Amino acid sequence: MVNFFTTPIFYITPYVVFWSILNGLIVYGLIRLIKIHISRSSQIMTAIATALTSIAWNWSIVFNQSTRYLNVDHPALRVSWADALNGICVFAMISFLLGQFTSKKCPAETVTATATLAALVTVVTDIFFF
């Protein structure tokens, strides 16, 4: 069973895929819990974008063999460059998708709040699960 989670397929392990999907579900649950006023399709888009962006980010750092450079934790904050940049990528992707496609009529504060929530959840879960 452990070999399944650590065997890379196209440079990505099933553990990363599982964690990313779980991260998207956590973001979806928090959006529903906090009651951010966006449409249901925007909530689902946020969860899917969070999961896919996390998968793409983790694939890119493994594929480019940059994990040894990006996985250096700050001594006080306990956040590595990989964690912070994963959150930035999630924030940028969700802001782009919601602002351009699914939530065009929503206020910018709502889109920013949704993207910030997803980015912070991604950074926190990235710290504790990786």
Protein backbone atom coordinates (compact mmCIF):
# COMPACT_ATOMS: atom_id res chain seq x y z
CA MET A 1 0.00 0.00 0.00
CA VAL A 2 2.80 2.43 0.82
CA ASN A 3 4.43 1.73 -2.54
CA PHE A 4 1.30 2.91 -4.32
CA PHE A 5 1.43 6.34 -2.67
CA THR A 6 5.14 6.81 -3.35
CA THR A 7 5.42 5.41 -6.90
CA PRO A 8 5.63 8.35 -9.29
CA ILE A 9 3.60 8.31 -12.49
CA PHE A 10 4.76 10.99 -14.92
CA TYR A 11 6.77 12.56 -12.05
CA ILE A 12 3.73 12.88 -9.77
CA THR A 13 2.84 10.59 -6.89
CA PRO A 14 -0.74 9.55 -6.07
CA TYR A 15 -0.20 11.09 -2.63
CA VAL A 16 0.11 14.54 -4.24
CA VAL A 17 -3.06 13.96 -6.25
CA PHE A 18 -4.92 12.75 -3.15
CA TRP A 19 -3.70 15.70 -1.07
CA SER A 20 -4.63 18.20 -3.79
CA ILE A 21 -8.15 16.82 -4.14
CA LEU A 22 -8.53 16.87 -0.36
CA ASN A 23 -7.28 20.46 -0.34
CA GLY A 24 -9.91 21.42 -2.93
CA LEU A 25 -12.62 19.79 -0.81
CA ILE A 26 -11.44 21.65 2.29
CA VAL A 27 -11.56 24.95 0.38
CA TYR A 28 -15.07 24.15 -0.86
CA GLY A 29 -16.22 23.33 2.66
CA LEU A 30 -14.75 26.53 4.08
CA ILE A 31 -16.37 28.66 1.37
CA ARG A 32 -19.71 27.09 2.27
CA LEU A 33 -19.05 27.44 6.00
CA ILE A 34 -17.96 31.09 5.86
CA LYS A 35 -20.79 31.80 3.41
CA ILE A 36 -18.86 33.80 0.85
CA HIS A 37 -21.53 35.08 -1.53
CA ILE A 38 -20.54 33.57 -4.86
CA SER A 39 -22.52 31.30 -7.11
CA ARG A 40 -22.45 27.54 -6.71
CA SER A 41 -20.57 27.16 -9.99
CA SER A 42 -17.92 29.58 -8.72
CA GLN A 43 -17.57 27.56 -5.52
CA ILE A 44 -17.08 24.38 -7.50
CA MET A 45 -14.67 26.14 -9.89
CA THR A 46 -12.65 27.33 -6.91
CA ALA A 47 -12.35 23.81 -5.48
CA ILE A 48 -11.38 22.30 -8.83
CA ALA A 49 -8.91 25.09 -9.62
CA THR A 50 -7.31 24.72 -6.19
CA ALA A 51 -6.81 20.99 -6.71
CA LEU A 52 -5.54 21.24 -10.29
CA THR A 53 -3.22 24.15 -9.57
CA SER A 54 -1.69 22.32 -6.62
CA ILE A 55 -1.16 19.23 -8.77
CA ALA A 56 0.42 21.33 -11.53
CA TRP A 57 2.67 23.20 -9.09
CA ASN A 58 3.91 20.04 -7.36
CA TRP A 59 4.43 18.35 -10.73
CA SER A 60 6.47 21.29 -12.00
CA ILE A 61 8.84 21.40 -9.05
CA VAL A 62 9.42 17.64 -9.21
CA PHE A 63 9.76 17.62 -13.01
CA ASN A 64 12.28 20.47 -12.93
CA GLN A 65 14.13 18.85 -10.01
CA SER A 66 13.92 22.04 -7.96
CA THR A 67 12.61 20.49 -4.74
CA ARG A 68 15.98 20.75 -3.00
CA TYR A 69 16.07 24.50 -3.66
CA LEU A 70 12.42 25.33 -2.91
CA ASN A 71 11.84 23.07 0.12
CA VAL A 72 13.95 25.14 2.50
CA ASP A 73 11.87 26.28 5.48
CA HIS A 74 12.14 29.70 7.07
CA PRO A 75 13.39 29.14 10.63
CA ALA A 76 10.67 31.20 12.35
CA LEU A 77 7.70 30.94 9.98
CA ARG A 78 8.13 27.27 9.01
CA VAL A 79 7.05 28.11 5.45
CA SER A 80 9.18 26.99 2.53
CA TRP A 81 9.41 28.68 -0.85
CA ALA A 82 7.49 25.76 -2.35
CA ASP A 83 4.61 26.28 0.10
CA ALA A 84 4.45 30.04 -0.45
CA LEU A 85 4.69 29.81 -4.23
CA ASN A 86 2.00 27.12 -4.30
CA GLY A 87 -0.30 29.52 -2.48
CA ILE A 88 0.59 32.33 -4.89
CA CYS A 89 -0.16 30.12 -7.89
CA VAL A 90 -3.52 29.09 -6.40
CA PHE A 91 -4.39 32.73 -5.68
CA ALA A 92 -3.49 33.84 -9.20
CA MET A 93 -5.36 31.01 -10.93
CA ILE A 94 -8.54 31.41 -8.90
CA SER A 95 -8.49 35.19 -9.29
CA PHE A 96 -8.12 34.77 -13.04
CA LEU A 97 -10.80 32.11 -13.44
CA LEU A 98 -13.38 33.76 -11.22
CA GLY A 99 -12.72 37.25 -12.50
CA GLN A 100 -12.76 36.33 -16.16
CA PHE A 101 -15.19 33.45 -16.46
CA THR A 102 -17.50 32.44 -13.63
CA SER A 103 -17.96 35.53 -11.43
CA LYS A 104 -17.79 38.47 -13.80
CA LYS A 105 -20.57 40.34 -12.00
CA CYS A 106 -19.30 39.69 -8.47
CA PRO A 107 -17.49 42.50 -6.65
CA ALA A 108 -13.71 42.32 -6.70
CA GLU A 109 -13.67 41.98 -2.90
CA THR A 110 -15.59 38.71 -3.14
CA VAL A 111 -13.26 37.27 -5.77
CA THR A 112 -10.22 38.37 -3.79
CA ALA A 113 -11.61 36.94 -0.55
CA THR A 114 -12.30 33.61 -2.22
CA ALA A 115 -8.84 33.45 -3.80
CA THR A 116 -7.15 34.49 -0.55
CA LEU A 117 -9.02 31.82 1.41
CA ALA A 118 -7.99 29.15 -1.08
CA ALA A 119 -4.36 30.34 -1.08
CA LEU A 120 -4.12 30.39 2.72
CA VAL A 121 -5.69 26.96 3.06
CA THR A 122 -3.27 25.67 0.42
CA VAL A 123 -0.24 27.07 2.26
CA VAL A 124 -1.37 25.72 5.63
CA THR A 125 -2.18 22.26 4.32
CA ASP A 126 1.04 22.26 2.29
CA ILE A 127 3.01 22.95 5.47
CA PHE A 128 1.39 20.11 7.43
CA PHE A 129 0.91 17.45 4.73
CA PHE A 130 4.20 17.75 2.86
